[in-house]
Amino acid sequence: MKRLLSFALSLALAGSVSAADKFPDGTKIPDWFNNNSVPSLSSLGPEYVVTDFGVSTDSTKVQTRELQAVIDKCAHDGGGVVVIPRGTFLTGALFFRPHTHLHIAEGGKLKGSDDISDFPVVETRIEGQTRKYFPAVVNADRVNSFTLTGKGTLDGNGLRYWKHFWLRRSFNPQCTNVDEMRPRLVYISRCDSVLIADVKIQHSPFWSTHYYRCNYVKLLNITVLSPKEPVKAPSTDAVDIDVCSNFHIKGCYFAVNDDGVVLKGGKGPYADQDPNNGENTNIIVEDCTYGFCHSALTFGSESIHDRNVIFRNNKVNGTERLLWLKMRPDTPQNYEYITVENITGHANYFLYVMPWTQFFDLQGRPDTPMSYSSNVTMRNIDFDCATFFQVQNAPDQYSLKDFTFENLNVRASKKADYDPNLIAGSKWKKVSVVKVAQ
């Protein structure tokens, strides 16, 4: 008991240290990360309650055209807030304009259509590629200062899409995610100063929320849900960060049938030469709670460079993996300056680093592009897992170096051992990994 109390005290003390104003590479954390206020509706402009503009309260009627007309009127009038009041409103793809915002009131639900024909084919970003595909239910492109707030629900209505996906996979195991046509729930692209706060986002047909080429994004106190049973919701990542900088996730709850927070940015043997791709920098995920996910924090599989990522003060309750580095042998990758600290909870794997070979394709490139991960720190963690150290040695594909493991109190039911030689220059300080009975 004394040992556990001592460890809890060390976590508390470490938490105050981790609030220092430095990213893992030593650069200053901008003051923007400390401002977590949510603006009032009145400060965002006039309210456009959709039922005041001819939108029906019939929850079975798809009203894409009517809802889009409210958004367009709001933009034409100079901007304001489109308000979804109490009730359920069914829609296809909606496109927000400059100076427009979305507020889903308590008891209100904006629900996506489960008919893919309600979603036009457009140029968008999906799975590390810029291509023609389906938009999301809620889309905002080049809408600086966009906000999505409220105590209501954004529902992807995904069950029909999930069933179709697994049916197609049953006769074609090589069916990719994009082959089975389905929309995302939120797609925000090329926007500065984005805020999503308080809403519940659930049952997405595909990725739940996706952010591409955005700068200064805050997700505050949101809930993102999708089921793992009785029908698995495939590829319903909670948060996909794709070529973004200054991204803050705080006080959220994630429980989805795929990864929680995922760093993306491009894939393919020459992905680092494609101007549509790029790096993710200055990411902080803190004070969040996780239910079931494939991983709490994931790098890849469509990612070329991630730098300055802090994952701290989070509770992980039953994810498959705490930290997952997907090392894709057909894509040059570099994951660097990552800190995972002040974590409690349990997962199947503590650290998981393996080659990711799903749909492997060198596209004619004669050599395998090398990938790298360095300057990763995992510290001040009290954790239960099945396997502590799942790291595969693949020196012809990737290089791992300068990982620091410090002040860890871990109980592993299957595999407690680890080989420090698998990571060049690794440092181990006050690490206790104990094998316990299952």
Protein backbone atom coordinates (compact mmCIF):
# COMPACT_ATOMS: atom_id res chain seq x y z
CA MET A 1 0.00 0.00 0.00
CA LYS A 2 2.83 2.40 0.83
CA ARG A 3 4.40 1.68 -2.57
CA LEU A 4 1.14 2.49 -4.39
CA LEU A 5 0.60 5.68 -2.40
CA SER A 6 4.16 6.73 -3.12
CA PHE A 7 3.64 6.11 -6.82
CA ALA A 8 0.36 8.06 -6.83
CA LEU A 9 2.15 10.98 -5.17
CA SER A 10 4.89 10.85 -7.78
CA LEU A 11 2.23 10.99 -10.51
CA ALA A 12 0.67 14.05 -8.93
CA LEU A 13 4.02 15.79 -8.63
CA ALA A 14 4.96 14.83 -12.17
CA GLY A 15 1.66 16.26 -13.41
CA SER A 16 2.64 19.70 -12.13
CA VAL A 17 6.01 19.41 -13.84
CA SER A 18 4.40 18.33 -17.14
CA ALA A 19 2.47 21.60 -17.21
CA ALA A 20 5.74 23.33 -18.14
CA ASP A 21 5.61 25.41 -21.28
CA LYS A 22 7.82 23.21 -23.46
CA PHE A 23 7.13 20.70 -26.20
CA PRO A 24 9.30 17.56 -26.23
CA ASP A 25 11.87 19.19 -28.53
CA GLY A 26 12.22 22.12 -26.11
CA THR A 27 10.25 24.71 -28.05
CA LYS A 28 7.73 26.88 -26.20
CA ILE A 29 4.10 25.82 -26.03
CA PRO A 30 1.99 28.76 -27.29
CA ASP A 31 -0.30 30.46 -24.79
CA TRP A 32 -3.22 29.48 -27.03
CA PHE A 33 -3.15 26.01 -25.44
CA ASN A 34 -4.11 27.55 -22.08
CA ASN A 35 -7.27 29.29 -23.31
CA ASN A 36 -10.10 26.76 -23.19
CA SER A 37 -13.14 29.00 -23.08
CA VAL A 38 -16.19 28.33 -25.24
CA PRO A 39 -17.77 31.44 -26.82
CA SER A 40 -21.40 32.23 -26.18
CA LEU A 41 -23.84 31.92 -29.05
CA SER A 42 -24.52 35.64 -28.96
CA SER A 43 -20.85 36.35 -29.58
CA LEU A 44 -20.94 34.31 -32.80
CA GLY A 45 -23.69 36.32 -34.48
CA PRO A 46 -27.41 35.93 -35.15
CA GLU A 47 -29.06 32.58 -34.54
CA TYR A 48 -30.66 30.76 -37.45
CA VAL A 49 -32.90 28.15 -35.85
CA VAL A 50 -33.57 25.77 -38.70
CA THR A 51 -37.27 25.27 -37.89
CA ASP A 52 -37.78 29.02 -38.37
CA PHE A 53 -36.78 28.62 -42.01
CA GLY A 54 -39.01 25.82 -43.23
CA VAL A 55 -37.16 22.77 -41.92
CA SER A 56 -39.66 20.14 -40.83
CA THR A 57 -39.70 18.33 -37.50
CA ASP A 58 -40.43 15.08 -39.37
CA SER A 59 -37.50 12.88 -38.24
CA THR A 60 -37.97 10.43 -41.13
CA LYS A 61 -37.60 12.99 -43.91
CA VAL A 62 -34.18 13.67 -45.46
CA GLN A 63 -33.87 17.47 -45.53
CA THR A 64 -30.45 18.14 -46.98
CA ARG A 65 -31.68 20.84 -49.36
CA GLU A 66 -33.67 22.65 -46.69
CA LEU A 67 -30.84 22.57 -44.14
CA GLN A 68 -28.28 23.70 -46.70
CA ALA A 69 -30.56 26.63 -47.61
CA VAL A 70 -30.42 27.81 -43.98
CA ILE A 71 -26.61 27.60 -43.98
CA ASP A 72 -26.44 29.52 -47.25
CA LYS A 73 -28.83 32.21 -46.03
CA CYS A 74 -26.80 32.60 -42.85
CA ALA A 75 -23.66 33.10 -44.94
CA HIS A 76 -25.41 35.48 -47.37
CA ASP A 77 -26.65 37.63 -44.50
CA GLY A 78 -23.12 38.06 -43.16
CA GLY A 79 -22.78 35.06 -40.88
CA GLY A 80 -24.10 33.60 -37.66
CA VAL A 81 -25.01 30.33 -35.99
CA VAL A 82 -27.14 27.60 -37.54
CA VAL A 83 -29.05 26.07 -34.63
CA ILE A 84 -30.43 22.53 -34.54
CA PRO A 85 -33.20 22.65 -31.90
CA ARG A 86 -34.77 19.80 -29.96
CA GLY A 87 -35.78 16.97 -32.25
CA THR A 88 -34.14 14.77 -34.90
CA PHE A 89 -33.21 16.16 -38.31
CA LEU A 90 -32.12 13.78 -41.07
CA THR A 91 -29.65 14.96 -43.69
CA GLY A 92 -27.06 14.14 -46.31
CA ALA A 93 -23.87 16.18 -46.78
CA LEU A 94 -23.95 19.76 -45.46
CA PHE A 95 -21.35 22.38 -46.38
CA PHE A 96 -20.69 25.27 -44.02
CA ARG A 97 -19.60 28.60 -45.45
CA PRO A 98 -17.28 31.35 -44.15
CA HIS A 99 -18.63 33.05 -41.03
CA THR A 100 -21.14 30.27 -40.32
CA HIS A 101 -21.20 28.04 -37.24
CA LEU A 102 -23.20 25.03 -36.06
CA HIS A 103 -24.88 24.64 -32.67
CA ILE A 104 -26.79 21.49 -31.73
CA ALA A 105 -28.99 22.31 -28.77
CA GLU A 106 -29.62 19.93 -25.90
CA GLY A 107 -32.17 17.37 -27.06
CA GLY A 108 -31.34 18.12 -30.67
CA LYS A 109 -29.94 15.55 -33.08
CA LEU A 110 -28.50 16.07 -36.54
CA LYS A 111 -28.60 12.62 -38.09
CA GLY A 112 -26.89 11.46 -41.26
CA SER A 113 -28.76 9.62 -43.98
CA ASP A 114 -27.94 5.92 -44.37
CA ASP A 115 -28.37 6.21 -48.16
CA ILE A 116 -25.03 6.97 -49.86
CA SER A 117 -26.87 8.64 -52.75
CA ASP A 118 -27.50 11.57 -50.39
CA PHE A 119 -23.76 12.29 -50.52
CA PRO A 120 -22.25 13.66 -53.76
CA VAL A 121 -18.82 12.61 -54.99
CA VAL A 122 -16.37 15.48 -54.47
CA GLU A 123 -12.64 16.01 -54.26
CA THR A 124 -11.67 15.36 -50.67
CA ARG A 125 -9.01 13.78 -48.50
CA ILE A 126 -9.25 10.18 -47.36
CA GLU A 127 -6.76 7.55 -46.15
CA GLY A 128 -3.69 9.65 -46.90
CA GLN A 129 -4.78 10.58 -50.42
CA THR A 130 -6.44 13.56 -52.07
CA ARG A 131 -9.02 12.07 -54.40
CA LYS A 132 -12.66 11.88 -55.44
CA TYR A 133 -14.77 10.41 -52.65
CA PHE A 134 -17.78 11.15 -50.49
CA PRO A 135 -17.91 14.14 -48.16
CA ALA A 136 -18.93 13.97 -44.52
CA VAL A 137 -22.27 14.82 -42.96
CA VAL A 138 -20.78 18.09 -41.65
CA ASN A 139 -18.15 19.72 -43.88
CA ALA A 140 -16.26 22.98 -43.45
CA ASP A 141 -13.57 23.94 -45.97
CA ARG A 142 -11.69 27.24 -45.65
CA VAL A 143 -14.06 28.31 -42.87
CA ASN A 144 -11.76 30.05 -40.42
CA SER A 145 -12.99 30.29 -36.81
CA PHE A 146 -15.59 27.57 -37.39
CA THR A 147 -17.32 26.30 -34.25
CA LEU A 148 -19.45 23.23 -33.59
CA THR A 149 -20.95 23.43 -30.11
CA GLY A 150 -23.91 22.39 -28.00
CA LYS A 151 -25.16 19.65 -25.72
CA GLY A 152 -26.91 17.81 -28.55
CA THR A 153 -25.89 14.90 -30.76
CA LEU A 154 -24.38 14.46 -34.19
CA ASP A 155 -25.37 10.93 -35.23
CA GLY A 156 -23.91 9.16 -38.27
CA ASN A 157 -26.68 6.53 -38.42
CA GLY A 158 -23.99 4.04 -39.39
CA LEU A 159 -25.56 0.60 -38.84
CA ARG A 160 -26.57 0.02 -42.47
CA TYR A 161 -23.11 1.06 -43.70
CA TRP A 162 -21.38 -1.25 -41.19
CA LYS A 163 -23.47 -4.23 -42.24
CA HIS A 164 -22.73 -3.57 -45.91
CA PHE A 165 -19.00 -3.30 -45.18
CA TRP A 166 -18.77 -6.67 -43.45
CA LEU A 167 -20.94 -8.31 -46.10
CA ARG A 168 -18.60 -7.06 -48.82
CA ARG A 169 -15.52 -8.16 -46.86
CA SER A 170 -17.02 -11.64 -46.52
CA PHE A 171 -16.78 -12.26 -50.29
CA ASN A 172 -13.86 -9.90 -51.03
CA PRO A 173 -11.30 -9.82 -48.18
CA GLN A 174 -9.18 -7.36 -50.19
CA CYS A 175 -11.95 -4.77 -50.12
CA THR A 176 -10.41 -1.54 -48.81
CA ASN A 177 -12.08 1.03 -46.60
CA VAL A 178 -12.76 3.36 -49.50
CA ASP A 179 -14.13 0.57 -51.71
CA GLU A 180 -17.19 0.26 -49.51
CA MET A 181 -18.87 3.63 -50.06
CA ARG A 182 -19.64 5.48 -46.83
CA PRO A 183 -19.32 9.02 -45.51
CA ARG A 184 -17.46 10.36 -42.51
CA LEU A 185 -19.31 12.32 -39.85
CA VAL A 186 -17.19 15.51 -39.59
CA TYR A 187 -14.60 16.73 -42.10
CA ILE A 188 -12.85 20.06 -41.45
CA SER A 189 -10.26 21.12 -44.01
CA ARG A 190 -7.96 24.10 -44.59
CA CYS A 191 -9.36 26.01 -41.62
CA ASP A 192 -7.65 28.09 -38.96
CA SER A 193 -9.05 28.46 -35.42
CA VAL A 194 -11.52 25.59 -35.15
CA LEU A 195 -13.46 24.76 -31.99
CA ILE A 196 -15.61 21.70 -31.34
CA ALA A 197 -17.00 21.64 -27.81
CA ASP A 198 -19.42 19.63 -25.68
CA VAL A 199 -21.27 17.74 -28.45
CA LYS A 200 -21.80 13.99 -28.62
CA ILE A 201 -20.59 12.50 -31.91
CA GLN A 202 -21.71 8.93 -32.47
CA HIS A 203 -22.27 6.04 -34.88
CA SER A 204 -20.22 7.34 -37.77
CA PRO A 205 -20.29 5.21 -40.94
CA PHE A 206 -16.51 5.77 -41.38
CA TRP A 207 -14.01 8.04 -39.59
CA SER A 208 -15.83 10.03 -36.91
CA THR A 209 -13.96 13.33 -37.16
CA HIS A 210 -11.23 14.20 -39.69
CA TYR A 211 -9.12 17.38 -39.83
CA TYR A 212 -6.94 18.18 -42.84
CA ARG A 213 -4.49 21.06 -43.18
CA CYS A 214 -5.92 22.90 -40.18
CA ASN A 215 -4.11 25.14 -37.72
CA TYR A 216 -5.17 25.87 -34.12
CA VAL A 217 -7.89 23.27 -33.53
CA LYS A 218 -9.50 22.65 -30.14
CA LEU A 219 -11.67 19.71 -29.16
CA LEU A 220 -13.08 20.33 -25.69
CA ASN A 221 -15.26 17.97 -23.64
CA ILE A 222 -16.67 16.11 -26.61
CA THR A 223 -17.80 12.47 -26.62
CA VAL A 224 -17.14 10.22 -29.60
CA LEU A 225 -18.78 6.78 -29.68
CA SER A 226 -19.18 3.79 -31.99
CA PRO A 227 -19.85 0.15 -31.06
CA LYS A 228 -17.59 -2.89 -31.23
CA GLU A 229 -20.65 -5.19 -30.92
CA PRO A 230 -23.05 -6.65 -31.87
CA VAL A 231 -22.11 -5.13 -35.25
CA LYS A 232 -18.58 -3.74 -35.37
CA ALA A 233 -18.35 -0.18 -36.61
CA PRO A 234 -15.33 -0.49 -38.94
CA SER A 235 -12.73 2.27 -39.16
CA THR A 236 -14.63 4.72 -36.99
CA ASP A 237 -11.54 6.49 -35.61
CA ALA A 238 -12.51 9.16 -33.10
CA VAL A 239 -10.05 11.85 -34.24
CA ASP A 240 -7.95 11.77 -37.42
CA ILE A 241 -5.32 14.55 -37.52
CA ASP A 242 -4.03 14.95 -41.06
CA VAL A 243 -1.33 17.58 -41.84
CA CYS A 244 -2.28 19.86 -38.93
CA SER A 245 -0.42 22.03 -36.44
CA ASN A 246 -1.33 23.31 -32.98
CA PHE A 247 -4.04 20.80 -32.09
CA HIS A 248 -5.46 20.59 -28.56
CA ILE A 249 -7.74 17.81 -27.30
CA LYS A 250 -8.90 18.18 -23.70
CA GLY A 251 -11.49 16.62 -21.42
CA CYS A 252 -12.95 14.27 -24.04
CA TYR A 253 -14.30 10.72 -23.92
CA PHE A 254 -13.54 8.28 -26.75
CA ALA A 255 -14.91 4.75 -27.21
CA VAL A 256 -14.84 3.61 -30.85
CA ASN A 257 -14.22 0.47 -32.85
CA ASP A 258 -10.87 1.68 -34.17
CA ASP A 259 -8.19 4.09 -33.02
CA GLY A 260 -8.83 6.96 -30.63
CA VAL A 261 -6.49 9.77 -31.65
CA VAL A 262 -4.63 9.07 -34.91
CA LEU A 263 -1.83 11.00 -36.63
CA LYS A 264 -2.06 10.83 -40.42
CA GLY A 265 -0.54 12.79 -43.30
CA GLY A 266 0.05 10.66 -46.38
CA LYS A 267 0.99 7.20 -47.60
CA GLY A 268 2.88 5.59 -50.46
CA PRO A 269 6.53 5.06 -51.43
CA TYR A 270 6.94 8.71 -52.50
CA ALA A 271 4.46 10.24 -50.05
CA ASP A 272 7.04 12.71 -48.73
CA GLN A 273 7.26 14.27 -52.22
CA ASP A 274 3.52 14.83 -52.65
CA PRO A 275 2.55 18.47 -51.87
CA ASN A 276 -0.88 17.30 -50.65
CA ASN A 277 0.83 15.48 -47.77
CA GLY A 278 2.73 16.86 -44.81
CA GLU A 279 3.57 16.77 -41.14
CA ASN A 280 1.63 17.07 -37.91
CA THR A 281 3.24 19.27 -35.26
CA ASN A 282 2.43 20.55 -31.78
CA ILE A 283 -0.32 18.16 -30.66
CA ILE A 284 -1.52 17.94 -27.04
CA VAL A 285 -4.06 15.34 -25.83
CA GLU A 286 -4.83 15.70 -22.13
CA ASP A 287 -7.36 15.00 -19.39
CA CYS A 288 -9.27 12.55 -21.59
CA THR A 289 -10.86 9.19 -20.81
CA TYR A 290 -10.89 6.19 -23.14
CA GLY A 291 -13.19 3.22 -23.31
CA PHE A 292 -12.61 0.50 -25.87
CA CYS A 293 -10.47 1.62 -28.84
CA HIS A 294 -7.89 -0.18 -30.93
CA SER A 295 -5.36 2.27 -29.53
CA ALA A 296 -5.41 5.40 -27.39
CA LEU A 297 -2.68 7.17 -29.42
CA THR A 298 -1.69 5.94 -32.89
CA PHE A 299 0.94 7.09 -35.36
CA GLY A 300 0.07 5.93 -38.91
CA SER A 301 -0.65 4.01 -40.91
CA GLU A 302 -0.98 6.95 -43.32
CA SER A 303 1.58 9.29 -41.81
CA ILE A 304 4.94 10.63 -42.95
CA HIS A 305 6.12 12.99 -40.19
CA ASP A 306 4.83 13.72 -36.69
CA ARG A 307 6.72 15.94 -34.25
CA ASN A 308 6.02 17.35 -30.80
CA VAL A 309 3.15 15.22 -29.53
CA ILE A 310 2.16 15.25 -25.85
CA PHE A 311 -0.29 12.67 -24.47
CA ARG A 312 -0.76 13.33 -20.75
CA ASN A 313 -3.04 13.01 -17.75
CA ASN A 314 -5.34 10.55 -19.50
CA LYS A 315 -7.27 7.51 -18.24
CA VAL A 316 -7.29 4.44 -20.45
CA ASN A 317 -9.92 1.83 -19.65
CA GLY A 318 -9.68 -1.23 -21.86
CA THR A 319 -8.13 -0.11 -25.12
CA GLU A 320 -6.17 -2.65 -27.14
CA ARG A 321 -3.00 -0.53 -27.06
CA LEU A 322 -1.78 2.49 -25.16
CA LEU A 323 0.80 3.69 -27.74
CA TRP A 324 0.90 2.25 -31.26
CA LEU A 325 3.55 3.09 -33.83
CA LYS A 326 2.42 1.71 -37.19
CA MET A 327 5.60 1.28 -39.23
CA ARG A 328 4.47 1.06 -42.85
CA PRO A 329 7.15 -0.53 -45.07
CA ASP A 330 5.86 1.11 -48.27
CA THR A 331 5.92 4.67 -46.85
CA PRO A 332 8.80 6.82 -45.48
CA GLN A 333 7.85 7.80 -41.91
CA ASN A 334 9.36 9.78 -39.07
CA TYR A 335 7.72 9.88 -35.63
CA GLU A 336 9.76 12.04 -33.26
CA TYR A 337 9.60 13.98 -30.00
CA ILE A 338 6.66 12.19 -28.41
CA THR A 339 5.82 12.24 -24.70
CA VAL A 340 3.30 9.93 -23.03
CA GLU A 341 3.03 10.75 -19.33
CA ASN A 342 0.83 10.63 -16.25
CA ILE A 343 -1.38 7.80 -17.50
CA THR A 344 -3.49 5.34 -15.52
CA GLY A 345 -5.64 2.41 -16.57
CA HIS A 346 -5.34 -0.80 -18.54
CA ALA A 347 -4.88 -2.03 -22.11
CA ASN A 348 -3.90 -5.22 -23.85
CA TYR A 349 -0.55 -3.75 -24.95
CA PHE A 350 1.49 -1.01 -23.31
CA LEU A 351 3.82 -0.27 -26.24
CA TYR A 352 3.18 -1.72 -29.69
CA VAL A 353 5.66 -1.18 -32.54
CA MET A 354 5.26 -3.46 -35.56
CA PRO A 355 5.35 -3.35 -39.37
CA TRP A 356 1.96 -2.41 -40.86
CA THR A 357 1.51 -4.35 -44.09
CA GLN A 358 -2.19 -4.10 -44.88
CA PHE A 359 -2.54 -3.33 -48.60
CA PHE A 360 1.25 -3.07 -48.93
CA ASP A 361 2.21 -1.56 -52.31
CA LEU A 362 5.61 -0.19 -53.34
CA GLN A 363 4.09 0.96 -56.65
CA GLY A 364 7.19 -0.07 -58.55
CA ARG A 365 9.72 1.51 -56.20
CA PRO A 366 12.78 -0.79 -56.24
CA ASP A 367 13.79 -0.28 -52.59
CA THR A 368 11.96 -0.18 -49.28
CA PRO A 369 11.80 3.38 -47.90
CA MET A 370 13.24 3.58 -44.39
CA SER A 371 11.21 4.88 -41.47
CA TYR A 372 12.31 6.28 -38.11
CA SER A 373 11.05 6.92 -34.61
CA SER A 374 13.12 8.74 -32.01
CA ASN A 375 12.99 10.79 -28.82
CA VAL A 376 9.94 9.02 -27.41
CA THR A 377 9.34 9.29 -23.66
CA MET A 378 6.91 7.22 -21.59
CA ARG A 379 6.94 8.23 -17.95
CA ASN A 380 4.91 8.43 -14.74
CA ILE A 381 2.51 5.67 -15.69
CA ASP A 382 0.62 3.28 -13.40
CA PHE A 383 -0.84 0.62 -15.67
CA ASP A 384 -2.19 -2.90 -16.11
CA CYS A 385 -1.71 -4.76 -19.37
CA ALA A 386 -1.40 -8.21 -20.88
CA THR A 387 1.83 -7.47 -22.79
CA PHE A 388 4.22 -4.71 -21.82
CA PHE A 389 6.70 -4.53 -24.69
CA GLN A 390 5.53 -5.63 -28.14
CA VAL A 391 8.35 -4.31 -30.30
CA GLN A 392 9.46 -6.09 -33.46
CA ASN A 393 13.00 -5.76 -34.73
CA ALA A 394 12.94 -4.84 -38.45
CA PRO A 395 16.20 -2.98 -39.18
CA ASP A 396 15.68 -3.23 -42.94
CA GLN A 397 12.41 -1.28 -42.58
CA TYR A 398 12.75 1.12 -39.65
CA SER A 399 15.07 2.49 -36.99
CA LEU A 400 14.09 3.06 -33.35
CA LYS A 401 16.32 5.09 -31.05
CA ASP A 402 16.45 7.28 -27.97
CA PHE A 403 13.32 6.08 -26.18
CA THR A 404 13.10 6.89 -22.45
CA PHE A 405 11.05 4.79 -20.01
CA GLU A 406 10.87 6.40 -16.59
CA ASN A 407 8.89 5.93 -13.39
CA LEU A 408 6.70 3.13 -14.67
CA ASN A 409 4.66 0.87 -12.42
CA VAL A 410 3.27 -1.82 -14.73
CA ARG A 411 1.56 -5.13 -14.07
CA ALA A 412 1.56 -7.53 -17.06
CA SER A 413 -0.49 -10.73 -17.13
CA LYS A 414 1.11 -12.36 -20.21
CA LYS A 415 4.43 -10.80 -21.11
CA ALA A 416 6.38 -8.66 -18.67
CA ASP A 417 9.86 -8.98 -20.17
CA TYR A 418 11.46 -6.52 -22.58
CA ASP A 419 14.64 -6.26 -24.61
CA PRO A 420 16.19 -2.77 -24.33
CA ASN A 421 18.55 -3.59 -27.20
CA LEU A 422 15.67 -3.40 -29.67
CA ILE A 423 15.75 0.38 -29.30
CA ALA A 424 19.15 2.02 -29.73
CA GLY A 425 20.06 4.37 -26.90
CA SER A 426 17.02 3.49 -24.81
CA LYS A 427 17.03 4.66 -21.19
CA TRP A 428 15.27 2.85 -18.35
CA LYS A 429 14.81 4.66 -15.03
CA LYS A 430 12.73 3.44 -12.08
CA VAL A 431 10.84 0.93 -14.19
CA SER A 432 8.89 -1.82 -12.45
CA VAL A 433 7.17 -4.40 -14.67
CA VAL A 434 5.73 -7.27 -12.68
CA LYS A 435 4.23 -10.47 -14.02
CA VAL A 436 0.86 -11.08 -12.40
CA ALA A 437 -1.67 -13.90 -12.63
CA GLN A 438 -4.35 -13.56 -15.26
